[in-house]
Amino acid sequence: MEIASLLKYLLPGDLLEYFELIQVKESEDDMLSFYLDEKNILPPEHNDKQLVSHGFDHPVTIQDFPLRQRGVYLVVRRRKWKDKVTGKIYSRTWDLTARGTSYSKEFAAFLKELFGQLPHQQQKP
């Protein structure tokens, strides 16, 4: 099995359809951080514009299911797009977290079912 095939079982939903894994880091306190960048795929909702890739927004950190007793964080960067004609900057809105949290939707649903509510989140170091 290839690593790319294995990742679809480790990461939420169809995340790999729109984002690519750039790096994985393990911190000294046994936290795993998966760094993902939005793929260079033009947003279909702006097909009427002449867009070019224009870097990335600030990363968003999402807490996900632990792996082998290590905390897991997804560090996600959305791509910015610049309209060649107007100079206006666009980016997609991704619905990756449970409302009001920085938990992945799947992880939040699991915690809510387990505890009846979402526990307070730890701050990422």
Protein backbone atom coordinates (compact mmCIF):
# COMPACT_ATOMS: atom_id res chain seq x y z
CA MET A 1 0.00 0.00 0.00
CA GLU A 2 1.33 3.43 -0.92
CA ILE A 3 1.60 6.22 1.64
CA ALA A 4 -0.96 8.29 -0.30
CA SER A 5 -3.45 5.41 -0.03
CA LEU A 6 -2.79 5.06 3.68
CA LEU A 7 -3.37 8.79 4.29
CA LYS A 8 -7.00 8.58 3.21
CA TYR A 9 -7.58 6.38 6.29
CA LEU A 10 -5.72 8.74 8.63
CA LEU A 11 -7.05 12.13 7.54
CA PRO A 12 -10.64 13.43 7.65
CA GLY A 13 -13.11 12.83 4.83
CA ASP A 14 -12.11 13.95 1.37
CA LEU A 15 -9.42 16.35 2.61
CA LEU A 16 -6.82 14.88 0.24
CA GLU A 17 -9.04 15.66 -2.74
CA TYR A 18 -8.41 19.38 -2.25
CA PHE A 19 -5.25 19.49 -0.10
CA GLU A 20 -1.84 17.89 -0.41
CA LEU A 21 0.32 16.71 2.45
CA ILE A 22 3.49 18.81 2.54
CA GLN A 23 5.13 17.66 5.75
CA VAL A 24 4.65 15.70 8.97
CA LYS A 25 6.42 16.80 12.16
CA GLU A 26 6.63 15.11 15.53
CA SER A 27 7.25 17.43 18.45
CA GLU A 28 9.19 16.55 21.60
CA ASP A 29 5.91 16.16 23.51
CA ASP A 30 4.70 13.42 21.10
CA MET A 31 2.37 15.64 19.06
CA LEU A 32 2.04 14.96 15.34
CA SER A 33 1.41 17.87 13.01
CA PHE A 34 0.31 17.20 9.44
CA TYR A 35 0.94 20.23 7.19
CA LEU A 36 -1.44 20.49 4.24
CA ASP A 37 -1.65 23.06 1.44
CA GLU A 38 -4.65 23.59 -0.81
CA LYS A 39 -3.98 22.16 -4.25
CA ASN A 40 -3.50 24.51 -7.18
CA ILE A 41 -6.99 23.87 -8.59
CA LEU A 42 -8.94 26.91 -9.74
CA PRO A 43 -12.16 27.43 -7.76
CA PRO A 44 -15.10 26.56 -10.04
CA GLU A 45 -17.25 29.30 -8.50
CA HIS A 46 -14.90 31.86 -10.11
CA ASN A 47 -14.68 30.36 -13.61
CA ASP A 48 -15.67 33.73 -15.06
CA LYS A 49 -12.47 35.38 -13.75
CA GLN A 50 -8.82 35.23 -14.78
CA LEU A 51 -7.32 33.91 -11.55
CA VAL A 52 -3.71 33.07 -10.76
CA SER A 53 -2.38 31.44 -7.61
CA HIS A 54 -1.21 34.14 -5.18
CA GLY A 55 0.29 32.36 -2.15
CA PHE A 56 -1.55 31.17 0.94
CA ASP A 57 -3.63 32.53 3.81
CA HIS A 58 -2.42 32.10 7.38
CA PRO A 59 -2.56 28.45 8.45
CA VAL A 60 -5.47 27.09 10.48
CA THR A 61 -4.76 24.39 13.08
CA ILE A 62 -7.35 21.65 13.51
CA GLN A 63 -7.26 19.00 16.22
CA ASP A 64 -8.04 15.50 14.97
CA PHE A 65 -8.14 11.91 16.28
CA PRO A 66 -5.02 10.86 18.21
CA LEU A 67 -2.75 8.27 16.61
CA ARG A 68 -0.89 5.78 18.78
CA GLN A 69 -1.40 7.99 21.83
CA ARG A 70 -0.03 11.08 20.10
CA GLY A 71 -2.08 14.22 19.71
CA VAL A 72 -2.76 15.01 16.06
CA TYR A 73 -3.04 18.46 14.53
CA LEU A 74 -3.77 19.34 10.93
CA VAL A 75 -2.13 22.60 9.90
CA VAL A 76 -4.05 23.70 6.81
CA ARG A 77 -3.26 26.56 4.44
CA ARG A 78 -5.89 27.82 2.00
CA ARG A 79 -4.64 29.09 -1.33
CA LYS A 80 -5.23 32.71 -2.34
CA TRP A 81 -6.14 33.61 -5.90
CA LYS A 82 -5.58 36.97 -7.59
CA ASP A 83 -7.79 38.23 -10.40
CA LYS A 84 -5.43 39.35 -13.20
CA VAL A 85 -7.91 42.00 -14.35
CA THR A 86 -9.08 43.61 -11.10
CA GLY A 87 -6.30 42.64 -8.71
CA LYS A 88 -8.91 41.40 -6.22
CA ILE A 89 -7.89 38.47 -3.99
CA TYR A 90 -10.14 35.42 -3.54
CA SER A 91 -9.92 32.26 -1.47
CA ARG A 92 -12.25 29.35 -0.89
CA THR A 93 -14.13 28.83 2.32
CA TRP A 94 -13.58 25.33 3.65
CA ASP A 95 -15.88 23.87 6.28
CA LEU A 96 -13.29 21.68 8.03
CA THR A 97 -14.09 22.14 11.72
CA ALA A 98 -17.08 21.59 13.98
CA ARG A 99 -18.85 24.90 14.60
CA GLY A 100 -17.31 26.89 17.43
CA THR A 101 -14.30 24.57 17.81
CA SER A 102 -11.00 23.76 16.18
CA TYR A 103 -11.83 20.03 16.20
CA SER A 104 -12.25 18.23 12.90
CA LYS A 105 -15.94 17.49 12.29
CA GLU A 106 -15.44 13.73 12.62
CA PHE A 107 -13.44 14.07 15.85
CA ALA A 108 -16.02 16.48 17.33
CA ALA A 109 -18.87 14.07 16.50
CA PHE A 110 -16.97 11.22 18.18
CA LEU A 111 -16.28 13.30 21.33
CA LYS A 112 -19.87 14.50 21.53
CA GLU A 113 -21.17 10.94 21.29
CA LEU A 114 -18.64 9.73 23.86
CA PHE A 115 -19.13 12.52 26.43
CA GLY A 116 -22.54 13.92 25.52
CA GLN A 117 -20.87 17.28 24.86
CA LEU A 118 -17.59 18.58 23.55
CA PRO A 119 -14.84 18.79 26.19
CA HIS A 120 -12.80 21.98 26.54
CA GLN A 121 -9.98 22.08 24.06
CA GLN A 122 -6.33 22.06 24.92
CA GLN A 123 -4.26 24.85 23.49
CA LYS A 124 -1.71 23.62 20.96
CA PRO A 125 1.82 24.28 22.20
